[in-house]
Amino acid sequence: MRKTHEAVKVKGIAKLLLMNVKTGKIDGYREVENVITQLGFQQFIVYGIHANLSSAGLKISHGALSSRIAACSSSQTNLIGETTDAREEVTGTLVGDGTCQSVWSYSVSKATDAAGIGNLGLFNSSSEGVLFACASFDVSTKTTDQTLAITYQQRFAGA
């Protein structure tokens, strides 16, 4: 029997680099896998194939941080405990066959909430919007002596 379709797997990797601006040294680095949300898969990937659908595909435009310490789930529709002033516009690029990348950063004055940072996510808007994917990691605190650079890759591959 002829195979009529292939399963598509999506794997996301987020890389966070915390730099101390006073010493010029790296204060922290994390690389974590993500969870694609159900609504994110539908709105960004499935609808994105045809621009004429009523809910035409969405575009990732902003990254956000959260103080949440629990793991992300595919049923999430927002980033619980989203950090004040922590949505930043992303620069999106293709970095290889089947890999798209979103990059954003935080200056010394942003994302310094006392509760720390434990999740990050990708959205289609500077406020509200649809959560495409999120990643969880051990809570970290960003101080006003540090900048934070984030590289978030989504890798698409046939099964």
N, C-alpha and C. Protein backbone atom coordinates (compact mmCIF):
# COMPACT_ATOMS: atom_id res chain seq x y z
N MET A 1 0.84 -1.18 0.00
CA MET A 1 0.00 0.00 0.00
C MET A 1 0.89 1.24 0.00
N ARG A 2 0.52 2.23 -0.77
CA ARG A 2 1.29 3.46 -0.90
C ARG A 2 1.05 4.38 0.29
N LYS A 3 2.10 4.94 0.81
CA LYS A 3 2.00 5.87 1.93
C LYS A 3 1.52 7.22 1.39
N THR A 4 0.44 7.76 1.95
CA THR A 4 -0.12 9.00 1.42
C THR A 4 0.25 10.24 2.23
N HIS A 5 0.81 10.06 3.40
CA HIS A 5 1.23 11.22 4.18
C HIS A 5 2.34 10.82 5.14
N GLU A 6 3.03 11.82 5.62
CA GLU A 6 4.07 11.59 6.61
C GLU A 6 3.70 12.34 7.88
N ALA A 7 4.06 11.77 8.99
CA ALA A 7 3.90 12.48 10.25
C ALA A 7 4.97 13.55 10.34
N VAL A 8 4.61 14.69 10.88
CA VAL A 8 5.57 15.78 11.04
C VAL A 8 5.83 15.95 12.53
N LYS A 9 7.08 15.97 12.89
CA LYS A 9 7.47 16.20 14.28
C LYS A 9 8.04 17.60 14.39
N VAL A 10 7.72 18.26 15.48
CA VAL A 10 8.25 19.59 15.75
C VAL A 10 8.98 19.53 17.08
N LYS A 11 10.23 19.94 17.08
CA LYS A 11 11.02 19.95 18.30
C LYS A 11 11.57 21.36 18.48
N GLY A 12 11.33 21.92 19.63
CA GLY A 12 11.82 23.26 19.90
C GLY A 12 12.93 23.25 20.92
N ILE A 13 13.91 24.09 20.70
CA ILE A 13 15.04 24.25 21.61
C ILE A 13 15.19 25.73 21.92
N ALA A 14 15.21 26.07 23.20
CA ALA A 14 15.43 27.45 23.62
C ALA A 14 16.79 27.55 24.30
N LYS A 15 17.54 28.57 23.94
CA LYS A 15 18.86 28.81 24.54
C LYS A 15 18.85 30.19 25.18
N LEU A 16 19.20 30.24 26.47
CA LEU A 16 19.21 31.49 27.21
C LEU A 16 20.63 31.79 27.67
N LEU A 17 21.10 33.00 27.40
CA LEU A 17 22.45 33.40 27.77
C LEU A 17 22.36 34.65 28.64
N LEU A 18 22.78 34.53 29.89
CA LEU A 18 22.75 35.62 30.86
C LEU A 18 24.15 36.19 30.99
N MET A 19 24.33 37.46 30.59
CA MET A 19 25.65 38.10 30.61
C MET A 19 25.70 39.19 31.67
N ASN A 20 26.79 39.24 32.41
CA ASN A 20 27.01 40.30 33.38
C ASN A 20 27.69 41.45 32.66
N VAL A 21 27.03 42.61 32.63
CA VAL A 21 27.58 43.75 31.88
C VAL A 21 28.75 44.40 32.61
N LYS A 22 28.84 44.23 33.91
CA LYS A 22 29.96 44.82 34.67
C LYS A 22 31.24 44.03 34.49
N THR A 23 31.13 42.69 34.50
CA THR A 23 32.33 41.86 34.40
C THR A 23 32.59 41.37 32.97
N GLY A 24 31.54 41.42 32.12
CA GLY A 24 31.68 40.91 30.76
C GLY A 24 31.67 39.39 30.70
N LYS A 25 31.33 38.75 31.80
CA LYS A 25 31.35 37.28 31.85
C LYS A 25 29.94 36.71 31.79
N ILE A 26 29.86 35.44 31.38
CA ILE A 26 28.59 34.73 31.34
C ILE A 26 28.20 34.32 32.75
N ASP A 27 27.00 34.75 33.19
CA ASP A 27 26.49 34.38 34.51
C ASP A 27 25.63 33.12 34.46
N GLY A 28 25.14 32.78 33.29
CA GLY A 28 24.31 31.59 33.19
C GLY A 28 23.99 31.25 31.75
N TYR A 29 23.81 29.95 31.50
CA TYR A 29 23.43 29.48 30.18
C TYR A 29 22.50 28.28 30.36
N ARG A 30 21.40 28.25 29.62
CA ARG A 30 20.48 27.12 29.67
C ARG A 30 20.06 26.77 28.25
N GLU A 31 19.88 25.49 28.01
CA GLU A 31 19.34 24.99 26.76
C GLU A 31 18.25 24.00 27.13
N VAL A 32 17.01 24.31 26.73
CA VAL A 32 15.87 23.49 27.12
C VAL A 32 14.96 23.19 25.93
N GLU A 33 14.26 22.06 26.00
CA GLU A 33 13.28 21.72 24.98
C GLU A 33 11.94 22.35 25.33
N ASN A 34 11.07 22.48 24.33
CA ASN A 34 9.81 23.15 24.55
C ASN A 34 8.61 22.23 24.35
N VAL A 35 7.43 22.80 24.57
CA VAL A 35 6.16 22.14 24.33
C VAL A 35 5.41 23.01 23.32
N ILE A 36 4.94 22.43 22.22
CA ILE A 36 4.09 23.14 21.26
C ILE A 36 2.67 23.03 21.79
N THR A 37 1.97 24.15 21.91
CA THR A 37 0.60 24.10 22.42
C THR A 37 -0.34 23.61 21.31
N GLN A 38 -1.48 23.06 21.73
CA GLN A 38 -2.47 22.57 20.76
C GLN A 38 -2.98 23.71 19.89
N LEU A 39 -3.32 24.82 20.53
CA LEU A 39 -3.81 25.98 19.79
C LEU A 39 -2.70 26.56 18.91
N GLY A 40 -1.48 26.57 19.41
CA GLY A 40 -0.35 27.05 18.62
C GLY A 40 -0.13 26.22 17.37
N PHE A 41 -0.20 24.90 17.49
CA PHE A 41 -0.03 24.02 16.33
C PHE A 41 -1.11 24.32 15.29
N GLN A 42 -2.36 24.42 15.75
CA GLN A 42 -3.47 24.67 14.83
C GLN A 42 -3.35 26.05 14.17
N GLN A 43 -3.15 27.09 14.97
CA GLN A 43 -3.17 28.46 14.46
C GLN A 43 -1.92 28.84 13.66
N PHE A 44 -0.76 28.36 14.07
CA PHE A 44 0.48 28.75 13.40
C PHE A 44 0.86 27.80 12.27
N ILE A 45 0.72 26.51 12.48
CA ILE A 45 1.22 25.54 11.50
C ILE A 45 0.12 25.12 10.53
N VAL A 46 -0.98 24.59 11.05
CA VAL A 46 -2.02 24.08 10.17
C VAL A 46 -2.64 25.21 9.34
N TYR A 47 -3.12 26.26 9.99
CA TYR A 47 -3.73 27.37 9.26
C TYR A 47 -2.72 28.14 8.43
N GLY A 48 -1.47 28.11 8.84
CA GLY A 48 -0.43 28.84 8.11
C GLY A 48 -0.18 28.32 6.71
N ILE A 49 -0.61 27.11 6.43
CA ILE A 49 -0.41 26.52 5.10
C ILE A 49 -1.28 27.22 4.06
N HIS A 50 -2.50 27.63 4.46
CA HIS A 50 -3.42 28.30 3.54
C HIS A 50 -3.81 29.66 4.09
N ALA A 51 -3.40 30.70 3.41
CA ALA A 51 -3.71 32.06 3.87
C ALA A 51 -5.18 32.40 3.74
N ASN A 52 -5.95 31.61 2.98
CA ASN A 52 -7.36 31.94 2.77
C ASN A 52 -8.30 31.31 3.80
N LEU A 53 -7.77 30.63 4.79
CA LEU A 53 -8.63 30.07 5.85
C LEU A 53 -9.16 31.21 6.71
N SER A 54 -10.31 30.99 7.32
CA SER A 54 -10.93 32.06 8.12
C SER A 54 -10.02 32.51 9.26
N SER A 55 -9.28 31.61 9.84
CA SER A 55 -8.33 31.97 10.89
C SER A 55 -6.93 31.85 10.31
N ALA A 56 -6.67 32.61 9.27
CA ALA A 56 -5.41 32.49 8.53
C ALA A 56 -4.23 32.41 9.48
N GLY A 57 -3.23 31.68 9.06
CA GLY A 57 -2.07 31.41 9.89
C GLY A 57 -1.50 32.62 10.59
N LEU A 58 -1.00 32.40 11.76
CA LEU A 58 -0.41 33.47 12.55
C LEU A 58 1.10 33.48 12.39
N LYS A 59 1.72 34.57 12.76
CA LYS A 59 3.16 34.73 12.64
C LYS A 59 3.73 35.01 14.04
N ILE A 60 4.78 34.30 14.39
CA ILE A 60 5.45 34.56 15.66
C ILE A 60 6.09 35.95 15.58
N SER A 61 5.77 36.79 16.55
CA SER A 61 6.30 38.15 16.53
C SER A 61 6.95 38.58 17.84
N HIS A 62 6.60 37.91 18.95
CA HIS A 62 7.10 38.33 20.25
C HIS A 62 7.46 37.14 21.14
N GLY A 63 8.47 37.35 21.95
CA GLY A 63 8.87 36.39 22.96
C GLY A 63 8.54 36.96 24.33
N ALA A 64 8.30 36.08 25.29
CA ALA A 64 7.93 36.53 26.63
C ALA A 64 8.56 35.62 27.68
N LEU A 65 8.62 36.13 28.90
CA LEU A 65 9.15 35.39 30.05
C LEU A 65 8.07 35.27 31.11
N SER A 66 8.22 34.27 31.97
CA SER A 66 7.26 34.02 33.04
C SER A 66 8.01 33.57 34.29
N SER A 67 7.42 33.86 35.43
CA SER A 67 8.01 33.42 36.70
C SER A 67 7.53 32.02 37.08
N ARG A 68 6.68 31.43 36.29
CA ARG A 68 6.10 30.12 36.61
C ARG A 68 7.19 29.06 36.75
N ILE A 69 7.04 28.21 37.75
CA ILE A 69 8.03 27.16 37.97
C ILE A 69 7.54 25.79 37.51
N ALA A 70 6.25 25.69 37.16
CA ALA A 70 5.71 24.41 36.68
C ALA A 70 6.04 24.22 35.21
N ALA A 71 6.07 22.97 34.79
CA ALA A 71 6.36 22.65 33.39
C ALA A 71 5.24 23.15 32.48
N CYS A 72 5.58 23.50 31.27
CA CYS A 72 4.59 23.90 30.26
C CYS A 72 3.77 22.69 29.85
N SER A 73 2.54 22.95 29.38
CA SER A 73 1.71 21.86 28.87
C SER A 73 1.14 22.26 27.51
N SER A 74 0.79 21.26 26.72
CA SER A 74 0.28 21.53 25.38
C SER A 74 -1.11 22.17 25.40
N SER A 75 -1.80 22.14 26.54
CA SER A 75 -3.13 22.74 26.63
C SER A 75 -3.09 24.21 27.08
N GLN A 76 -1.92 24.73 27.36
CA GLN A 76 -1.81 26.13 27.78
C GLN A 76 -2.23 27.06 26.65
N THR A 77 -2.87 28.18 27.04
CA THR A 77 -3.24 29.19 26.06
C THR A 77 -2.54 30.52 26.35
N ASN A 78 -1.87 30.62 27.48
CA ASN A 78 -1.10 31.81 27.81
C ASN A 78 0.11 31.40 28.66
N LEU A 79 0.96 32.34 28.93
CA LEU A 79 2.16 32.09 29.74
C LEU A 79 1.84 32.53 31.16
N ILE A 80 1.52 31.57 32.01
CA ILE A 80 1.08 31.85 33.38
C ILE A 80 2.19 32.55 34.15
N GLY A 81 1.86 33.64 34.82
CA GLY A 81 2.83 34.40 35.59
C GLY A 81 3.76 35.24 34.72
N GLU A 82 3.25 35.66 33.55
CA GLU A 82 4.09 36.42 32.62
C GLU A 82 4.71 37.63 33.32
N THR A 83 6.00 37.79 33.12
CA THR A 83 6.77 38.83 33.77
C THR A 83 6.43 40.21 33.20
N THR A 84 6.29 41.19 34.08
CA THR A 84 6.01 42.55 33.66
C THR A 84 7.09 43.04 32.71
N ASP A 85 6.71 43.72 31.69
CA ASP A 85 7.58 44.33 30.66
C ASP A 85 8.49 43.32 29.96
N ALA A 86 8.08 42.05 29.91
CA ALA A 86 8.98 41.04 29.37
C ALA A 86 8.61 40.52 27.98
N ARG A 87 7.68 41.17 27.28
CA ARG A 87 7.43 40.79 25.87
C ARG A 87 8.31 41.66 24.99
N GLU A 88 9.06 40.97 24.17
CA GLU A 88 9.97 41.68 23.26
C GLU A 88 9.74 41.18 21.84
N GLU A 89 9.92 42.06 20.88
CA GLU A 89 9.79 41.68 19.48
C GLU A 89 10.94 40.75 19.11
N VAL A 90 10.62 39.71 18.34
CA VAL A 90 11.63 38.74 17.93
C VAL A 90 12.08 39.02 16.49
N THR A 91 13.28 38.59 16.20
CA THR A 91 13.77 38.56 14.83
C THR A 91 13.71 37.11 14.40
N GLY A 92 12.96 36.84 13.34
CA GLY A 92 12.79 35.47 12.87
C GLY A 92 13.60 35.20 11.62
N THR A 93 14.25 34.06 11.59
CA THR A 93 15.03 33.66 10.42
C THR A 93 14.91 32.15 10.20
N LEU A 94 15.26 31.72 9.00
CA LEU A 94 15.42 30.29 8.72
C LEU A 94 16.90 30.01 8.84
N VAL A 95 17.25 28.96 9.58
CA VAL A 95 18.67 28.68 9.83
C VAL A 95 19.10 27.32 9.30
N GLY A 96 18.31 26.75 8.44
CA GLY A 96 18.64 25.45 7.86
C GLY A 96 17.37 24.75 7.42
N ASP A 97 17.52 23.63 6.77
CA ASP A 97 16.36 22.88 6.31
C ASP A 97 15.44 22.55 7.47
N GLY A 98 14.23 23.06 7.43
CA GLY A 98 13.23 22.74 8.43
C GLY A 98 13.43 23.37 9.79
N THR A 99 14.30 24.37 9.91
CA THR A 99 14.53 25.01 11.21
C THR A 99 14.30 26.51 11.12
N CYS A 100 13.38 27.01 11.94
CA CYS A 100 13.18 28.45 12.04
C CYS A 100 13.65 28.89 13.42
N GLN A 101 14.09 30.12 13.50
CA GLN A 101 14.71 30.61 14.74
C GLN A 101 14.15 31.98 15.10
N SER A 102 13.84 32.16 16.37
CA SER A 102 13.41 33.46 16.90
C SER A 102 14.46 33.91 17.92
N VAL A 103 14.89 35.15 17.78
CA VAL A 103 15.93 35.69 18.67
C VAL A 103 15.41 37.00 19.27
N TRP A 104 15.61 37.15 20.58
CA TRP A 104 15.29 38.42 21.24
C TRP A 104 16.15 38.57 22.47
N SER A 105 16.14 39.79 23.04
CA SER A 105 17.01 40.03 24.19
C SER A 105 16.36 41.03 25.15
N TYR A 106 16.95 41.08 26.34
CA TYR A 106 16.50 41.99 27.39
C TYR A 106 17.68 42.81 27.88
N SER A 107 17.49 44.12 27.96
CA SER A 107 18.53 45.01 28.47
C SER A 107 18.64 44.86 29.98
N VAL A 108 19.56 45.59 30.59
CA VAL A 108 19.76 45.50 32.04
C VAL A 108 18.52 45.93 32.82
N SER A 109 17.69 46.80 32.25
CA SER A 109 16.55 47.33 32.99
C SER A 109 15.27 46.52 32.84
N LYS A 110 15.27 45.46 32.02
CA LYS A 110 14.04 44.69 31.79
C LYS A 110 14.14 43.27 32.34
N ALA A 111 12.96 42.71 32.65
CA ALA A 111 12.82 41.32 33.11
C ALA A 111 13.57 41.05 34.39
N THR A 112 13.46 41.96 35.34
CA THR A 112 14.17 41.81 36.62
C THR A 112 13.20 41.59 37.79
N ASP A 113 12.02 41.01 37.52
CA ASP A 113 11.04 40.75 38.58
C ASP A 113 11.65 39.87 39.68
N ALA A 114 11.31 40.16 40.91
CA ALA A 114 11.85 39.43 42.05
C ALA A 114 11.49 37.94 42.02
N ALA A 115 10.37 37.58 41.39
CA ALA A 115 9.94 36.17 41.36
C ALA A 115 10.84 35.31 40.47
N GLY A 116 11.65 35.93 39.66
CA GLY A 116 12.56 35.19 38.80
C GLY A 116 11.92 34.78 37.48
N ILE A 117 12.65 33.99 36.70
CA ILE A 117 12.22 33.54 35.38
C ILE A 117 12.24 32.01 35.37
N GLY A 118 11.14 31.39 34.92
CA GLY A 118 11.08 29.93 34.88
C GLY A 118 10.50 29.36 33.60
N ASN A 119 9.83 30.20 32.80
CA ASN A 119 9.25 29.78 31.51
C ASN A 119 9.50 30.88 30.49
N LEU A 120 9.49 30.49 29.23
CA LEU A 120 9.48 31.48 28.16
C LEU A 120 8.55 30.99 27.08
N GLY A 121 8.04 31.91 26.26
CA GLY A 121 7.08 31.53 25.24
C GLY A 121 7.16 32.40 24.02
N LEU A 122 6.54 31.91 22.93
CA LEU A 122 6.47 32.63 21.66
C LEU A 122 5.02 32.98 21.36
N PHE A 123 4.78 34.23 20.98
CA PHE A 123 3.43 34.74 20.72
C PHE A 123 3.34 35.43 19.36
N ASN A 124 2.11 35.75 18.97
CA ASN A 124 1.86 36.49 17.74
C ASN A 124 1.50 37.95 18.01
N SER A 125 1.73 38.42 19.22
CA SER A 125 1.31 39.77 19.57
C SER A 125 2.14 40.31 20.72
N SER A 126 2.18 41.65 20.82
CA SER A 126 2.91 42.29 21.92
C SER A 126 2.13 42.22 23.23
N SER A 127 0.85 41.89 23.16
CA SER A 127 0.04 41.66 24.36
C SER A 127 -1.07 40.68 23.99
N GLU A 128 -1.47 39.87 24.94
CA GLU A 128 -2.46 38.81 24.68
C GLU A 128 -1.96 37.91 23.56
N GLY A 129 -2.80 37.61 22.57
CA GLY A 129 -2.39 36.78 21.44
C GLY A 129 -2.40 35.30 21.75
N VAL A 130 -1.90 34.51 20.79
CA VAL A 130 -1.88 33.06 20.89
C VAL A 130 -0.47 32.60 21.25
N LEU A 131 -0.38 31.74 22.25
CA LEU A 131 0.88 31.14 22.65
C LEU A 131 1.18 29.98 21.72
N PHE A 132 2.26 30.08 20.96
CA PHE A 132 2.64 29.00 20.04
C PHE A 132 3.34 27.88 20.79
N ALA A 133 4.34 28.22 21.59
CA ALA A 133 5.14 27.21 22.28
C ALA A 133 5.72 27.84 23.54
N CYS A 134 6.05 26.98 24.50
CA CYS A 134 6.71 27.47 25.70
C CYS A 134 7.72 26.44 26.19
N ALA A 135 8.68 26.92 26.94
CA ALA A 135 9.73 26.07 27.49
C ALA A 135 9.89 26.39 28.97
N SER A 136 10.19 25.36 29.76
CA SER A 136 10.38 25.50 31.20
C SER A 136 11.82 25.20 31.58
N PHE A 137 12.30 25.84 32.63
CA PHE A 137 13.66 25.59 33.12
C PHE A 137 13.72 25.96 34.59
N ASP A 138 14.80 25.59 35.26
CA ASP A 138 14.96 25.95 36.66
C ASP A 138 14.92 27.46 36.80
N VAL A 139 14.18 27.93 37.79
CA VAL A 139 14.00 29.37 37.97
C VAL A 139 15.34 30.07 38.17
N SER A 140 15.47 31.19 37.50
CA SER A 140 16.68 32.00 37.55
C SER A 140 16.26 33.44 37.77
N THR A 141 17.11 34.22 38.39
CA THR A 141 16.83 35.63 38.60
C THR A 141 17.78 36.45 37.76
N LYS A 142 17.23 37.45 37.05
CA LYS A 142 18.03 38.37 36.25
C LYS A 142 18.14 39.67 37.02
N THR A 143 19.35 40.17 37.18
CA THR A 143 19.57 41.41 37.91
C THR A 143 19.80 42.57 36.93
N THR A 144 19.89 43.76 37.47
CA THR A 144 20.14 44.95 36.64
C THR A 144 21.60 45.04 36.22
N ASP A 145 22.43 44.07 36.59
CA ASP A 145 23.81 43.98 36.10
C ASP A 145 23.90 43.05 34.89
N GLN A 146 22.76 42.50 34.46
CA GLN A 146 22.80 41.46 33.44
C GLN A 146 21.90 41.77 32.24
N THR A 147 22.32 41.28 31.09
CA THR A 147 21.48 41.25 29.90
C THR A 147 21.11 39.79 29.66
N LEU A 148 20.06 39.57 28.92
CA LEU A 148 19.62 38.21 28.63
C LEU A 148 19.34 38.10 27.14
N ALA A 149 19.99 37.16 26.48
CA ALA A 149 19.78 36.89 25.05
C ALA A 149 19.15 35.52 24.90
N ILE A 150 18.11 35.42 24.08
CA ILE A 150 17.39 34.17 23.89
C ILE A 150 17.36 33.80 22.41
N THR A 151 17.69 32.57 22.13
CA THR A 151 17.58 31.99 20.80
C THR A 151 16.65 30.79 20.92
N TYR A 152 15.56 30.80 20.17
CA TYR A 152 14.53 29.77 20.29
C TYR A 152 14.32 29.16 18.90
N GLN A 153 14.68 27.90 18.74
CA GLN A 153 14.57 27.23 17.44
C GLN A 153 13.43 26.22 17.45
N GLN A 154 12.72 26.16 16.32
CA GLN A 154 11.69 25.14 16.08
C GLN A 154 12.18 24.31 14.90
N ARG A 155 12.35 23.02 15.12
CA ARG A 155 12.87 22.12 14.10
C ARG A 155 11.77 21.19 13.63
N PHE A 156 11.50 21.21 12.32
CA PHE A 156 10.45 20.40 11.71
C PHE A 156 11.08 19.26 10.94
N ALA A 157 10.57 18.03 11.16
CA ALA A 157 11.12 16.87 10.48
C ALA A 157 10.02 15.86 10.23
N GLY A 158 10.07 15.17 9.10
CA GLY A 158 9.14 14.08 8.82
C GLY A 158 9.52 12.87 9.65
N ALA A 159 8.52 12.09 10.02
CA ALA A 159 8.76 10.90 10.84
C ALA A 159 9.39 9.78 10.04
